[in-house]
């Protein structure tokens, strides 16, 4: 994977870490509408990472498969 794509993926993953912390705070405070919005942002970020990987590595990678599972999990939460 090209360095530029890797950097974009890592930046997005760092953003996901921050979103996860915000989700935890939202759950604790009972702000469930906000949590739902944050989960949607997580899905969008994972889709973006998946698209970058597919454009660089092609379809059918294990990483994209795991990102799809992550999206399924955030959707059912």
PDB file of N, CA and C in Angstrom:
ATOM      1  N   UNK A   1       0.860  -1.178   0.000  1.00  0.00           N
ATOM      2  CA  UNK A   1       0.000   0.000   0.000  1.00  0.00           C
ATOM      3  C   UNK A   1       0.901   1.233   0.000  1.00  0.00           C
ATOM      4  N   UNK A   2       0.546   2.193  -0.782  1.00  0.00           N
ATOM      5  CA  UNK A   2       1.353   3.404  -0.878  1.00  0.00           C
ATOM      6  C   UNK A   2       1.361   4.163   0.439  1.00  0.00           C
ATOM      7  N   UNK A   3       2.466   4.841   0.669  1.00  0.00           N
ATOM      8  CA  UNK A   3       2.656   5.569   1.924  1.00  0.00           C
ATOM      9  C   UNK A   3       1.535   6.573   2.164  1.00  0.00           C
ATOM     10  N   UNK A   4       1.125   7.270   1.129  1.00  0.00           N
ATOM     11  CA  UNK A   4       0.069   8.282   1.272  1.00  0.00           C
ATOM     12  C   UNK A   4      -1.233   7.636   1.753  1.00  0.00           C
ATOM     13  N   UNK A   5      -1.582   6.481   1.169  1.00  0.00           N
ATOM     14  CA  UNK A   5      -2.798   5.784   1.576  1.00  0.00           C
ATOM     15  C   UNK A   5      -2.687   5.306   3.016  1.00  0.00           C
ATOM     16  N   UNK A   6      -1.526   4.798   3.387  1.00  0.00           N
ATOM     17  CA  UNK A   6      -1.325   4.333   4.763  1.00  0.00           C
ATOM     18  C   UNK A   6      -1.516   5.486   5.745  1.00  0.00           C
ATOM     19  N   UNK A   7      -0.944   6.623   5.419  1.00  0.00           N
ATOM     20  CA  UNK A   7      -1.068   7.784   6.298  1.00  0.00           C
ATOM     21  C   UNK A   7      -2.530   8.194   6.451  1.00  0.00           C
ATOM     22  N   UNK A   8      -3.267   8.177   5.347  1.00  0.00           N
ATOM     23  CA  UNK A   8      -4.691   8.513   5.412  1.00  0.00           C
ATOM     24  C   UNK A   8      -5.437   7.514   6.289  1.00  0.00           C
ATOM     25  N   UNK A   9      -5.128   6.252   6.137  1.00  0.00           N
ATOM     26  CA  UNK A   9      -5.785   5.219   6.949  1.00  0.00           C
ATOM     27  C   UNK A   9      -5.465   5.414   8.424  1.00  0.00           C
ATOM     28  N   UNK A  10      -4.211   5.644   8.753  1.00  0.00           N
ATOM     29  CA  UNK A  10      -3.822   5.832  10.149  1.00  0.00           C
ATOM     30  C   UNK A  10      -4.478   7.066  10.752  1.00  0.00           C
ATOM     31  N   UNK A  11      -4.580   8.138  10.000  1.00  0.00           N
ATOM     32  CA  UNK A  11      -5.250   9.347  10.495  1.00  0.00           C
ATOM     33  C   UNK A  11      -6.723   9.063  10.779  1.00  0.00           C
ATOM     34  N   UNK A  12      -7.348   8.325   9.894  1.00  0.00           N
ATOM     35  CA  UNK A  12      -8.759   7.993  10.087  1.00  0.00           C
ATOM     36  C   UNK A  12      -8.931   7.081  11.295  1.00  0.00           C
ATOM     37  N   UNK A  13      -8.027   6.140  11.476  1.00  0.00           N
ATOM     38  CA  UNK A  13      -8.097   5.248  12.632  1.00  0.00           C
ATOM     39  C   UNK A  13      -7.924   6.038  13.927  1.00  0.00           C
ATOM     40  N   UNK A  14      -7.051   7.009  13.929  1.00  0.00           N
ATOM     41  CA  UNK A  14      -6.909   7.863  15.107  1.00  0.00           C
ATOM     42  C   UNK A  14      -8.210   8.603  15.390  1.00  0.00           C
ATOM     43  N   UNK A  15      -8.877   9.045  14.330  1.00  0.00           N
ATOM     44  CA  UNK A  15     -10.174   9.696  14.495  1.00  0.00           C
ATOM     45  C   UNK A  15     -11.206   8.735  15.071  1.00  0.00           C
ATOM     46  N   UNK A  16     -11.137   7.478  14.650  1.00  0.00           N
ATOM     47  CA  UNK A  16     -12.053   6.469  15.197  1.00  0.00           C
ATOM     48  C   UNK A  16     -11.817   6.278  16.692  1.00  0.00           C
ATOM     49  N   UNK A  17     -10.568   6.284  17.102  1.00  0.00           N
ATOM     50  CA  UNK A  17     -10.264   6.153  18.529  1.00  0.00           C
ATOM     51  C   UNK A  17     -10.915   7.284  19.322  1.00  0.00           C
ATOM     52  N   UNK A  18     -10.845   8.490  18.789  1.00  0.00           N
ATOM     53  CA  UNK A  18     -11.464   9.638  19.452  1.00  0.00           C
ATOM     54  C   UNK A  18     -12.987   9.487  19.478  1.00  0.00           C
ATOM     55  N   UNK A  19     -13.561   9.015  18.375  1.00  0.00           N
ATOM     56  CA  UNK A  19     -15.006   8.794  18.326  1.00  0.00           C
ATOM     57  C   UNK A  19     -15.431   7.747  19.351  1.00  0.00           C
ATOM     58  N   UNK A  20     -14.636   6.711  19.505  1.00  0.00           N
ATOM     59  CA  UNK A  20     -14.966   5.668  20.486  1.00  0.00           C
ATOM     60  C   UNK A  20     -15.002   6.241  21.904  1.00  0.00           C
ATOM     61  N   UNK A  21     -14.075   7.134  22.204  1.00  0.00           N
ATOM     62  CA  UNK A  21     -14.085   7.778  23.525  1.00  0.00           C
ATOM     63  C   UNK A  21     -15.339   8.637  23.705  1.00  0.00           C
ATOM     64  N   UNK A  22     -15.718   9.344  22.655  1.00  0.00           N
ATOM     65  CA  UNK A  22     -16.926  10.166  22.713  1.00  0.00           C
ATOM     66  C   UNK A  22     -18.184   9.302  22.845  1.00  0.00           C
ATOM     67  N   UNK A  23     -18.185   8.158  22.194  1.00  0.00           N
ATOM     68  CA  UNK A  23     -19.321   7.232  22.318  1.00  0.00           C
ATOM     69  C   UNK A  23     -19.441   6.760  23.754  1.00  0.00           C
ATOM     70  N   UNK A  24     -18.323   6.422  24.354  1.00  0.00           N
ATOM     71  CA  UNK A  24     -18.328   5.984  25.751  1.00  0.00           C
ATOM     72  C   UNK A  24     -18.892   7.075  26.665  1.00  0.00           C
ATOM     73  N   UNK A  25     -18.469   8.306  26.440  1.00  0.00           N
ATOM     74  CA  UNK A  25     -18.988   9.423  27.234  1.00  0.00           C
ATOM     75  C   UNK A  25     -20.488   9.594  27.004  1.00  0.00           C
ATOM     76  N   UNK A  26     -20.920   9.468  25.749  1.00  0.00           N
ATOM     77  CA  UNK A  26     -22.337   9.612  25.433  1.00  0.00           C
ATOM     78  C   UNK A  26     -23.187   8.550  26.092  1.00  0.00           C
ATOM     79  N   UNK A  27     -22.694   7.334  26.127  1.00  0.00           N
ATOM     80  CA  UNK A  27     -23.427   6.247  26.780  1.00  0.00           C
ATOM     81  C   UNK A  27     -23.527   6.523  28.274  1.00  0.00           C
ATOM     82  N   UNK A  28     -22.416   6.933  28.865  1.00  0.00           N
ATOM     83  CA  UNK A  28     -22.389   7.218  30.298  1.00  0.00           C
ATOM     84  C   UNK A  28     -23.357   8.335  30.671  1.00  0.00           C
ATOM     85  N   UNK A  29     -23.439   9.350  29.818  1.00  0.00           N
ATOM     86  CA  UNK A  29     -24.299  10.498  30.132  1.00  0.00           C
ATOM     87  C   UNK A  29     -25.735  10.316  29.636  1.00  0.00           C
ATOM     88  N   UNK A  30     -25.995   9.242  28.906  1.00  0.00           N
ATOM     89  CA  UNK A  30     -27.348   9.001  28.412  1.00  0.00           C
ATOM     90  C   UNK A  30     -27.706   9.781  27.159  1.00  0.00           C
ATOM     91  N   UNK A  31     -26.710  10.276  26.449  1.00  0.00           N
ATOM     92  CA  UNK A  31     -26.934  11.046  25.218  1.00  0.00           C
ATOM     93  C   UNK A  31     -26.993  10.095  24.019  1.00  0.00           C
ATOM     94  N   UNK A  32     -28.052   9.304  23.958  1.00  0.00           N
ATOM     95  CA  UNK A  32     -28.118   8.233  22.978  1.00  0.00           C
ATOM     96  C   UNK A  32     -28.298   8.722  21.545  1.00  0.00           C
ATOM     97  N   UNK A  33     -28.921   9.863  21.356  1.00  0.00           N
ATOM     98  CA  UNK A  33     -29.028  10.420  20.002  1.00  0.00           C
ATOM     99  C   UNK A  33     -27.632  10.786  19.494  1.00  0.00           C
ATOM    100  N   UNK A  34     -26.834  11.347  20.372  1.00  0.00           N
ATOM    101  CA  UNK A  34     -25.453  11.697  20.007  1.00  0.00           C
ATOM    102  C   UNK A  34     -24.647  10.435  19.716  1.00  0.00           C
ATOM    103  N   UNK A  35     -24.857   9.395  20.513  1.00  0.00           N
ATOM    104  CA  UNK A  35     -24.161   8.127  20.297  1.00  0.00           C
ATOM    105  C   UNK A  35     -24.496   7.567  18.915  1.00  0.00           C
ATOM    106  N   UNK A  36     -25.762   7.637  18.532  1.00  0.00           N
ATOM    107  CA  UNK A  36     -26.175   7.144  17.220  1.00  0.00           C
ATOM    108  C   UNK A  36     -25.472   7.917  16.107  1.00  0.00           C
ATOM    109  N   UNK A  37     -25.357   9.225  16.264  1.00  0.00           N
ATOM    110  CA  UNK A  37     -24.646  10.038  15.272  1.00  0.00           C
ATOM    111  C   UNK A  37     -23.175   9.646  15.190  1.00  0.00           C
ATOM    112  N   UNK A  38     -22.572   9.418  16.347  1.00  0.00           N
ATOM    113  CA  UNK A  38     -21.161   9.057  16.385  1.00  0.00           C
ATOM    114  C   UNK A  38     -20.925   7.684  15.751  1.00  0.00           C
ATOM    115  N   UNK A  39     -21.839   6.755  15.992  1.00  0.00           N
ATOM    116  CA  UNK A  39     -21.722   5.441  15.370  1.00  0.00           C
ATOM    117  C   UNK A  39     -21.809   5.538  13.852  1.00  0.00           C
ATOM    118  N   UNK A  40     -22.654   6.427  13.376  1.00  0.00           N
ATOM    119  CA  UNK A  40     -22.745   6.639  11.929  1.00  0.00           C
ATOM    120  C   UNK A  40     -21.432   7.188  11.378  1.00  0.00           C
ATOM    121  N   UNK A  41     -20.821   8.098  12.118  1.00  0.00           N
ATOM    122  CA  UNK A  41     -19.517   8.631  11.698  1.00  0.00           C
ATOM    123  C   UNK A  41     -18.457   7.532  11.680  1.00  0.00           C
ATOM    124  N   UNK A  42     -18.537   6.612  12.641  1.00  0.00           N
ATOM    125  CA  UNK A  42     -17.606   5.475  12.660  1.00  0.00           C
ATOM    126  C   UNK A  42     -17.770   4.626  11.406  1.00  0.00           C
ATOM    127  N   UNK A  43     -19.009   4.373  11.041  1.00  0.00           N
ATOM    128  CA  UNK A  43     -19.268   3.594   9.827  1.00  0.00           C
ATOM    129  C   UNK A  43     -18.702   4.297   8.601  1.00  0.00           C
ATOM    130  N   UNK A  44     -18.940   5.589   8.498  1.00  0.00           N
ATOM    131  CA  UNK A  44     -18.448   6.340   7.350  1.00  0.00           C
ATOM    132  C   UNK A  44     -16.925   6.301   7.279  1.00  0.00           C
ATOM    133  N   UNK A  45     -16.282   6.404   8.438  1.00  0.00           N
ATOM    134  CA  UNK A  45     -14.820   6.355   8.472  1.00  0.00           C
ATOM    135  C   UNK A  45     -14.317   4.983   8.037  1.00  0.00           C
ATOM    136  N   UNK A  46     -14.950   3.925   8.527  1.00  0.00           N
ATOM    137  CA  UNK A  46     -14.540   2.572   8.158  1.00  0.00           C
ATOM    138  C   UNK A  46     -14.742   2.331   6.665  1.00  0.00           C
ATOM    139  N   UNK A  47     -15.828   2.830   6.129  1.00  0.00           N
ATOM    140  CA  UNK A  47     -16.076   2.702   4.692  1.00  0.00           C
ATOM    141  C   UNK A  47     -14.999   3.444   3.902  1.00  0.00           C
ATOM    142  N   UNK A  48     -14.632   4.618   4.388  1.00  0.00           N
ATOM    143  CA  UNK A  48     -13.570   5.386   3.732  1.00  0.00           C
ATOM    144  C   UNK A  48     -12.250   4.644   3.733  1.00  0.00           C
ATOM    145  N   UNK A  49     -11.904   4.030   4.860  1.00  0.00           N
ATOM    146  CA  UNK A  49     -10.674   3.250   4.933  1.00  0.00           C
ATOM    147  C   UNK A  49     -10.759   2.069   3.964  1.00  0.00           C
ATOM    148  N   UNK A  50     -11.901   1.390   3.973  1.00  0.00           N
ATOM    149  CA  UNK A  50     -12.087   0.252   3.075  1.00  0.00           C
ATOM    150  C   UNK A  50     -11.941   0.644   1.623  1.00  0.00           C
ATOM    151  N   UNK A  51     -12.494   1.776   1.263  1.00  0.00           N
ATOM    152  CA  UNK A  51     -12.378   2.251  -0.122  1.00  0.00           C
ATOM    153  C   UNK A  51     -10.927   2.550  -0.493  1.00  0.00           C
ATOM    154  N   UNK A  52     -10.182   3.147   0.446  1.00  0.00           N
ATOM    155  CA  UNK A  52      -8.763   3.418   0.192  1.00  0.00           C
ATOM    156  C   UNK A  52      -7.995   2.114  -0.017  1.00  0.00           C
ATOM    157  N   UNK A  53      -8.263   1.140   0.836  1.00  0.00           N
ATOM    158  CA  UNK A  53      -7.562  -0.140   0.722  1.00  0.00           C
ATOM    159  C   UNK A  53      -7.904  -0.813  -0.603  1.00  0.00           C
ATOM    160  N   UNK A  54      -9.179  -0.831  -0.947  1.00  0.00           N
ATOM    161  CA  UNK A  54      -9.575  -1.469  -2.204  1.00  0.00           C
ATOM    162  C   UNK A  54      -8.977  -0.766  -3.416  1.00  0.00           C
ATOM    163  N   UNK A  55      -8.878   0.552  -3.366  1.00  0.00           N
ATOM    164  CA  UNK A  55      -8.300   1.265  -4.505  1.00  0.00           C
ATOM    165  C   UNK A  55      -6.804   1.001  -4.636  1.00  0.00           C
ATOM    166  N   UNK A  56      -6.175   0.683  -3.521  1.00  0.00           N
ATOM    167  CA  UNK A  56      -4.742   0.428  -3.542  1.00  0.00           C
ATOM    168  C   UNK A  56      -4.398  -1.052  -3.713  1.00  0.00           C
ATOM    169  N   UNK A  57      -5.149  -1.914  -3.028  1.00  0.00           N
ATOM    170  CA  UNK A  57      -4.807  -3.338  -2.972  1.00  0.00           C
ATOM    171  C   UNK A  57      -5.754  -4.229  -3.764  1.00  0.00           C
ATOM    172  N   UNK A  58      -6.886  -3.687  -4.181  1.00  0.00           N
ATOM    173  CA  UNK A  58      -7.887  -4.501  -4.854  1.00  0.00           C
ATOM    174  C   UNK A  58      -8.903  -5.047  -3.868  1.00  0.00           C
ATOM    175  N   UNK A  59      -9.903  -5.699  -4.400  1.00  0.00           N
ATOM    176  CA  UNK A  59     -10.975  -6.223  -3.560  1.00  0.00           C
ATOM    177  C   UNK A  59     -10.573  -7.545  -2.917  1.00  0.00           C
ATOM    178  N   UNK A  60     -11.289  -7.883  -1.844  1.00  0.00           N
ATOM    179  CA  UNK A  60     -11.130  -9.189  -1.227  1.00  0.00           C
ATOM    180  C   UNK A  60     -10.038  -9.290  -0.176  1.00  0.00           C
ATOM    181  N   UNK A  61      -9.563  -8.162   0.350  1.00  0.00           N
ATOM    182  CA  UNK A  61      -8.519  -8.229   1.376  1.00  0.00           C
ATOM    183  C   UNK A  61      -9.135  -8.532   2.736  1.00  0.00           C
ATOM    184  N   UNK A  62      -8.336  -9.094   3.607  1.00  0.00           N
ATOM    185  CA  UNK A  62      -8.778  -9.395   4.968  1.00  0.00           C
ATOM    186  C   UNK A  62      -9.107  -8.101   5.724  1.00  0.00           C
ATOM    187  N   UNK A  63      -8.345  -7.067   5.475  1.00  0.00           N
ATOM    188  CA  UNK A  63      -8.594  -5.789   6.162  1.00  0.00           C
ATOM    189  C   UNK A  63      -9.987  -5.266   5.840  1.00  0.00           C
ATOM    190  N   UNK A  64     -10.371  -5.323   4.579  1.00  0.00           N
ATOM    191  CA  UNK A  64     -11.703  -4.845   4.184  1.00  0.00           C
ATOM    192  C   UNK A  64     -12.777  -5.743   4.785  1.00  0.00           C
ATOM    193  N   UNK A  65     -12.518  -7.024   4.850  1.00  0.00           N
ATOM    194  CA  UNK A  65     -13.464  -7.950   5.471  1.00  0.00           C
ATOM    195  C   UNK A  65     -13.686  -7.583   6.936  1.00  0.00           C
ATOM    196  N   UNK A  66     -12.621  -7.258   7.638  1.00  0.00           N
ATOM    197  CA  UNK A  66     -12.737  -6.863   9.049  1.00  0.00           C
ATOM    198  C   UNK A  66     -13.456  -5.523   9.194  1.00  0.00           C
ATOM    199  N   UNK A  67     -13.206  -4.615   8.286  1.00  0.00           N
ATOM    200  CA  UNK A  67     -13.904  -3.327   8.322  1.00  0.00           C
ATOM    201  C   UNK A  67     -15.400  -3.510   8.078  1.00  0.00           C
ATOM    202  N   UNK A  68     -15.766  -4.438   7.217  1.00  0.00           N
ATOM    203  CA  UNK A  68     -17.179  -4.737   6.981  1.00  0.00           C
ATOM    204  C   UNK A  68     -17.831  -5.279   8.255  1.00  0.00           C
ATOM    205  N   UNK A  69     -17.121  -6.128   8.974  1.00  0.00           N
ATOM    206  CA  UNK A  69     -17.634  -6.643  10.242  1.00  0.00           C
ATOM    207  C   UNK A  69     -17.807  -5.510  11.252  1.00  0.00           C
ATOM    208  N   UNK A  70     -16.844  -4.604  11.275  1.00  0.00           N
ATOM    209  CA  UNK A  70     -16.923  -3.441  12.165  1.00  0.00           C
ATOM    210  C   UNK A  70     -18.173  -2.624  11.838  1.00  0.00           C
ATOM    211  N   UNK A  71     -18.423  -2.389  10.550  1.00  0.00           N
ATOM    212  CA  UNK A  71     -19.607  -1.632  10.138  1.00  0.00           C
ATOM    213  C   UNK A  71     -20.888  -2.350  10.563  1.00  0.00           C
ATOM    214  N   UNK A  72     -20.921  -3.665  10.381  1.00  0.00           N
ATOM    215  CA  UNK A  72     -22.086  -4.435  10.820  1.00  0.00           C
ATOM    216  C   UNK A  72     -22.294  -4.282  12.321  1.00  0.00           C
ATOM    217  N   UNK A  73     -21.223  -4.337  13.068  1.00  0.00           N
ATOM    218  CA  UNK A  73     -21.311  -4.228  14.519  1.00  0.00           C
ATOM    219  C   UNK A  73     -21.815  -2.851  14.940  1.00  0.00           C
ATOM    220  N   UNK A  74     -21.299  -1.808  14.325  1.00  0.00           N
ATOM    221  CA  UNK A  74     -21.747  -0.467  14.709  1.00  0.00           C
ATOM    222  C   UNK A  74     -23.188  -0.226  14.296  1.00  0.00           C
ATOM    223  N   UNK A  75     -23.629  -0.890  13.224  1.00  0.00           N
ATOM    224  CA  UNK A  75     -25.012  -0.732  12.773  1.00  0.00           C
ATOM    225  C   UNK A  75     -25.985  -1.397  13.729  1.00  0.00           C
ATOM    226  N   UNK A  76     -25.600  -2.530  14.297  1.00  0.00           N
ATOM    227  CA  UNK A  76     -26.506  -3.268  15.176  1.00  0.00           C
ATOM    228  C   UNK A  76     -26.432  -2.790  16.621  1.00  0.00           C
ATOM    229  N   UNK A  77     -25.508  -1.881  16.910  1.00  0.00           N
ATOM    230  CA  UNK A  77     -25.371  -1.414  18.298  1.00  0.00           C
ATOM    231  C   UNK A  77     -26.469  -0.442  18.679  1.00  0.00           C
TER     232      UNK A  77
END
